[in-house]
């Protein structure tokens, strides 16, 4: 099955939910961690975090749980060494 994607003028038709996960280094009060964000529009944004040891997939799955999307990560793309896109 091939999925066709195209821009509708307001969103990409055929796209699925994903989380952008970024590494956040340690601060004076917190250890290093992964921060995941799922954003559907300006009114619907879900965030979650995981420790560095738990990893970016765990952060993405926690954000997915909050957003009510399926809990299975099916894709993971590296944007750079500190940022991932995890698809559901």
N, C-alpha and C. Protein backbone atom coordinates (compact mmCIF):
# COMPACT_ATOMS: atom_id res chain seq x y z
N UNK A 1 0.84 -1.17 0.00
CA UNK A 1 0.00 0.00 0.00
C UNK A 1 0.89 1.24 0.00
N UNK A 2 0.65 2.15 -0.91
CA UNK A 2 1.40 3.38 -1.00
C UNK A 2 0.54 4.53 -0.51
N UNK A 3 1.11 5.34 0.37
CA UNK A 3 0.41 6.51 0.88
C UNK A 3 0.83 7.71 0.05
N UNK A 4 -0.14 8.49 -0.37
CA UNK A 4 0.14 9.69 -1.12
C UNK A 4 -0.01 10.88 -0.18
N UNK A 5 1.01 11.71 -0.15
CA UNK A 5 0.97 12.91 0.66
C UNK A 5 0.84 14.13 -0.24
N UNK A 6 0.05 15.09 0.17
CA UNK A 6 0.01 16.35 -0.56
C UNK A 6 -0.45 17.46 0.37
N UNK A 7 -0.02 18.66 0.05
CA UNK A 7 -0.35 19.84 0.82
C UNK A 7 -1.74 20.32 0.44
N UNK A 8 -2.62 20.49 1.43
CA UNK A 8 -4.00 20.90 1.17
C UNK A 8 -4.19 22.40 1.28
N UNK A 9 -3.17 23.08 1.72
CA UNK A 9 -3.31 24.52 1.99
C UNK A 9 -3.38 24.79 3.48
N UNK A 10 -3.67 23.73 4.25
CA UNK A 10 -3.71 23.89 5.71
C UNK A 10 -2.96 22.77 6.44
N UNK A 11 -2.79 21.62 5.78
CA UNK A 11 -2.07 20.50 6.38
C UNK A 11 -1.65 19.52 5.28
N UNK A 12 -0.78 18.58 5.66
CA UNK A 12 -0.35 17.55 4.70
C UNK A 12 -1.32 16.38 4.81
N UNK A 13 -2.06 16.13 3.77
CA UNK A 13 -3.01 15.02 3.73
C UNK A 13 -2.24 13.70 3.75
N UNK A 14 -2.71 12.76 4.56
CA UNK A 14 -2.08 11.44 4.65
C UNK A 14 -1.03 11.33 5.73
N UNK A 15 -0.73 12.44 6.42
CA UNK A 15 0.30 12.38 7.46
C UNK A 15 -0.26 11.79 8.74
N UNK A 16 0.63 11.21 9.53
CA UNK A 16 0.26 10.61 10.81
C UNK A 16 0.91 11.40 11.93
N UNK A 17 0.48 11.13 13.14
CA UNK A 17 1.05 11.81 14.30
C UNK A 17 2.53 11.45 14.48
N UNK A 18 3.29 12.41 14.96
CA UNK A 18 4.69 12.16 15.30
C UNK A 18 5.08 13.08 16.45
N UNK A 19 6.15 12.72 17.11
CA UNK A 19 6.70 13.54 18.19
C UNK A 19 8.09 14.00 17.78
N UNK A 20 8.39 15.26 18.03
CA UNK A 20 9.74 15.77 17.87
C UNK A 20 10.37 15.68 19.26
N UNK A 21 11.50 15.00 19.33
CA UNK A 21 12.16 14.78 20.62
C UNK A 21 13.55 15.42 20.57
N UNK A 22 13.79 16.30 21.54
CA UNK A 22 15.07 17.02 21.60
C UNK A 22 15.79 16.71 22.91
N UNK A 23 17.11 16.64 22.82
CA UNK A 23 17.93 16.44 24.00
C UNK A 23 18.07 17.76 24.75
N UNK A 24 17.92 17.71 26.07
CA UNK A 24 18.13 18.88 26.92
C UNK A 24 19.23 18.53 27.91
N UNK A 25 20.30 19.26 27.88
CA UNK A 25 21.43 19.00 28.76
C UNK A 25 21.10 19.28 30.22
N UNK A 26 21.98 18.83 31.07
CA UNK A 26 21.81 19.00 32.51
C UNK A 26 21.84 20.48 32.90
N UNK A 27 21.10 20.81 33.95
CA UNK A 27 21.12 22.15 34.53
C UNK A 27 21.56 22.02 35.99
N UNK A 28 21.53 23.12 36.73
CA UNK A 28 21.88 23.09 38.14
C UNK A 28 20.89 22.27 38.96
N UNK A 29 19.65 22.15 38.47
CA UNK A 29 18.60 21.47 39.23
C UNK A 29 18.10 20.17 38.61
N UNK A 30 18.45 19.87 37.36
CA UNK A 30 17.96 18.67 36.67
C UNK A 30 19.08 17.99 35.91
N UNK A 31 18.98 16.68 35.82
CA UNK A 31 19.90 15.94 34.98
C UNK A 31 19.51 16.08 33.52
N UNK A 32 20.33 15.56 32.62
CA UNK A 32 20.00 15.63 31.19
C UNK A 32 18.77 14.78 30.91
N UNK A 33 18.02 15.17 29.90
CA UNK A 33 16.76 14.49 29.60
C UNK A 33 16.38 14.69 28.14
N UNK A 34 15.37 13.94 27.74
CA UNK A 34 14.79 14.05 26.40
C UNK A 34 13.41 14.70 26.54
N UNK A 35 13.12 15.69 25.71
CA UNK A 35 11.85 16.40 25.75
C UNK A 35 11.09 16.15 24.45
N UNK A 36 9.89 15.59 24.57
CA UNK A 36 9.08 15.25 23.39
C UNK A 36 7.89 16.20 23.29
N UNK A 37 7.57 16.58 22.05
CA UNK A 37 6.42 17.45 21.79
C UNK A 37 5.62 16.89 20.62
N UNK A 38 4.31 16.82 20.81
CA UNK A 38 3.37 16.52 19.73
C UNK A 38 2.46 17.73 19.64
N UNK A 39 2.40 18.33 18.45
CA UNK A 39 1.59 19.53 18.27
C UNK A 39 0.67 19.33 17.08
N UNK A 40 -0.63 19.44 17.31
CA UNK A 40 -1.60 19.29 16.23
C UNK A 40 -1.98 20.65 15.66
N UNK A 41 -2.14 21.64 16.51
CA UNK A 41 -2.42 23.01 16.10
C UNK A 41 -2.11 23.90 17.29
N UNK A 42 -2.43 25.18 17.20
CA UNK A 42 -2.05 26.11 18.28
C UNK A 42 -2.74 25.80 19.60
N UNK A 43 -3.85 25.07 19.58
CA UNK A 43 -4.58 24.76 20.81
C UNK A 43 -4.27 23.37 21.36
N UNK A 44 -3.60 22.53 20.61
CA UNK A 44 -3.37 21.15 21.03
C UNK A 44 -1.89 20.79 20.96
N UNK A 45 -1.22 20.91 22.09
CA UNK A 45 0.18 20.57 22.20
C UNK A 45 0.36 19.71 23.43
N UNK A 46 1.07 18.59 23.26
CA UNK A 46 1.34 17.68 24.37
C UNK A 46 2.84 17.52 24.52
N UNK A 47 3.32 17.57 25.77
CA UNK A 47 4.75 17.43 26.05
C UNK A 47 4.98 16.38 27.11
N UNK A 48 6.12 15.73 27.02
CA UNK A 48 6.53 14.75 28.03
C UNK A 48 8.05 14.68 28.01
N UNK A 49 8.60 14.10 29.06
CA UNK A 49 10.06 13.97 29.13
C UNK A 49 10.44 12.58 29.61
N UNK A 50 11.71 12.28 29.44
CA UNK A 50 12.29 11.03 29.93
C UNK A 50 13.74 11.33 30.29
N UNK A 51 14.29 10.57 31.20
CA UNK A 51 15.69 10.75 31.55
C UNK A 51 16.55 10.40 30.35
N UNK A 52 17.80 10.84 30.40
CA UNK A 52 18.73 10.50 29.32
C UNK A 52 18.83 8.99 29.16
N UNK A 53 18.89 8.27 30.28
CA UNK A 53 19.03 6.82 30.24
C UNK A 53 17.78 6.13 29.66
N UNK A 54 16.60 6.68 29.90
CA UNK A 54 15.37 6.10 29.35
C UNK A 54 15.31 6.30 27.83
N UNK A 55 15.80 7.42 27.35
CA UNK A 55 15.93 7.64 25.92
C UNK A 55 14.78 8.38 25.26
N UNK A 56 14.98 8.76 23.98
CA UNK A 56 13.99 9.57 23.25
C UNK A 56 12.70 8.82 22.91
N UNK A 57 12.76 7.51 22.72
CA UNK A 57 11.54 6.75 22.40
C UNK A 57 10.58 6.79 23.58
N UNK A 58 11.11 6.63 24.80
CA UNK A 58 10.26 6.68 26.00
C UNK A 58 9.59 8.04 26.12
N UNK A 59 10.32 9.12 25.89
CA UNK A 59 9.73 10.46 25.94
C UNK A 59 8.61 10.58 24.91
N UNK A 60 8.84 10.09 23.69
CA UNK A 60 7.82 10.16 22.63
C UNK A 60 6.58 9.37 23.00
N UNK A 61 6.75 8.19 23.55
CA UNK A 61 5.60 7.36 23.94
C UNK A 61 4.80 8.01 25.06
N UNK A 62 5.47 8.68 25.97
CA UNK A 62 4.76 9.39 27.05
C UNK A 62 3.94 10.55 26.49
N UNK A 63 4.49 11.27 25.52
CA UNK A 63 3.73 12.35 24.89
C UNK A 63 2.54 11.78 24.11
N UNK A 64 2.76 10.64 23.44
CA UNK A 64 1.67 10.00 22.69
C UNK A 64 0.53 9.60 23.62
N UNK A 65 0.88 9.11 24.79
CA UNK A 65 -0.15 8.73 25.76
C UNK A 65 -1.00 9.94 26.13
N UNK A 66 -0.37 11.07 26.36
CA UNK A 66 -1.11 12.29 26.70
C UNK A 66 -1.98 12.76 25.54
N UNK A 67 -1.49 12.58 24.31
CA UNK A 67 -2.21 13.04 23.13
C UNK A 67 -3.31 12.08 22.68
N UNK A 68 -3.30 10.88 23.23
CA UNK A 68 -4.32 9.90 22.85
C UNK A 68 -4.06 9.23 21.52
N UNK A 69 -2.79 9.20 21.06
CA UNK A 69 -2.47 8.49 19.83
C UNK A 69 -1.93 7.11 20.15
N UNK A 70 -1.95 6.23 19.17
CA UNK A 70 -1.51 4.85 19.34
C UNK A 70 -0.12 4.79 19.96
N UNK A 71 0.08 3.89 20.89
CA UNK A 71 1.29 3.80 21.70
C UNK A 71 2.46 3.13 21.03
N UNK A 72 2.39 2.74 19.81
CA UNK A 72 3.48 2.02 19.18
C UNK A 72 4.29 2.94 18.28
N UNK A 73 5.57 3.10 18.60
CA UNK A 73 6.44 3.89 17.73
C UNK A 73 6.78 3.05 16.50
N UNK A 74 6.47 3.57 15.31
CA UNK A 74 6.69 2.79 14.09
C UNK A 74 7.82 3.32 13.23
N UNK A 75 8.23 4.58 13.45
CA UNK A 75 9.37 5.13 12.72
C UNK A 75 10.18 6.02 13.66
N UNK A 76 11.45 6.14 13.38
CA UNK A 76 12.29 7.08 14.11
C UNK A 76 13.34 7.61 13.15
N UNK A 77 13.33 8.92 12.96
CA UNK A 77 14.26 9.56 12.04
C UNK A 77 15.14 10.53 12.81
N UNK A 78 16.42 10.48 12.55
CA UNK A 78 17.36 11.39 13.18
C UNK A 78 17.41 12.69 12.37
N UNK A 79 17.10 13.80 13.03
CA UNK A 79 17.22 15.10 12.38
C UNK A 79 18.65 15.60 12.53
N UNK A 80 19.20 15.42 13.71
CA UNK A 80 20.61 15.66 14.00
C UNK A 80 20.95 14.84 15.24
N UNK A 81 22.13 15.00 15.79
CA UNK A 81 22.55 14.13 16.91
C UNK A 81 21.74 14.36 18.18
N UNK A 82 20.99 15.48 18.26
CA UNK A 82 20.23 15.79 19.46
C UNK A 82 18.71 15.84 19.24
N UNK A 83 18.24 15.54 18.02
CA UNK A 83 16.83 15.69 17.70
C UNK A 83 16.35 14.50 16.86
N UNK A 84 15.19 13.96 17.26
CA UNK A 84 14.59 12.83 16.54
C UNK A 84 13.12 13.13 16.25
N UNK A 85 12.61 12.51 15.20
CA UNK A 85 11.19 12.54 14.90
C UNK A 85 10.69 11.10 15.01
N UNK A 86 9.79 10.87 15.97
CA UNK A 86 9.28 9.52 16.22
C UNK A 86 7.84 9.47 15.73
N UNK A 87 7.56 8.60 14.77
CA UNK A 87 6.21 8.49 14.19
C UNK A 87 5.42 7.37 14.83
N UNK A 88 4.10 7.55 14.85
CA UNK A 88 3.19 6.57 15.45
C UNK A 88 2.23 6.02 14.42
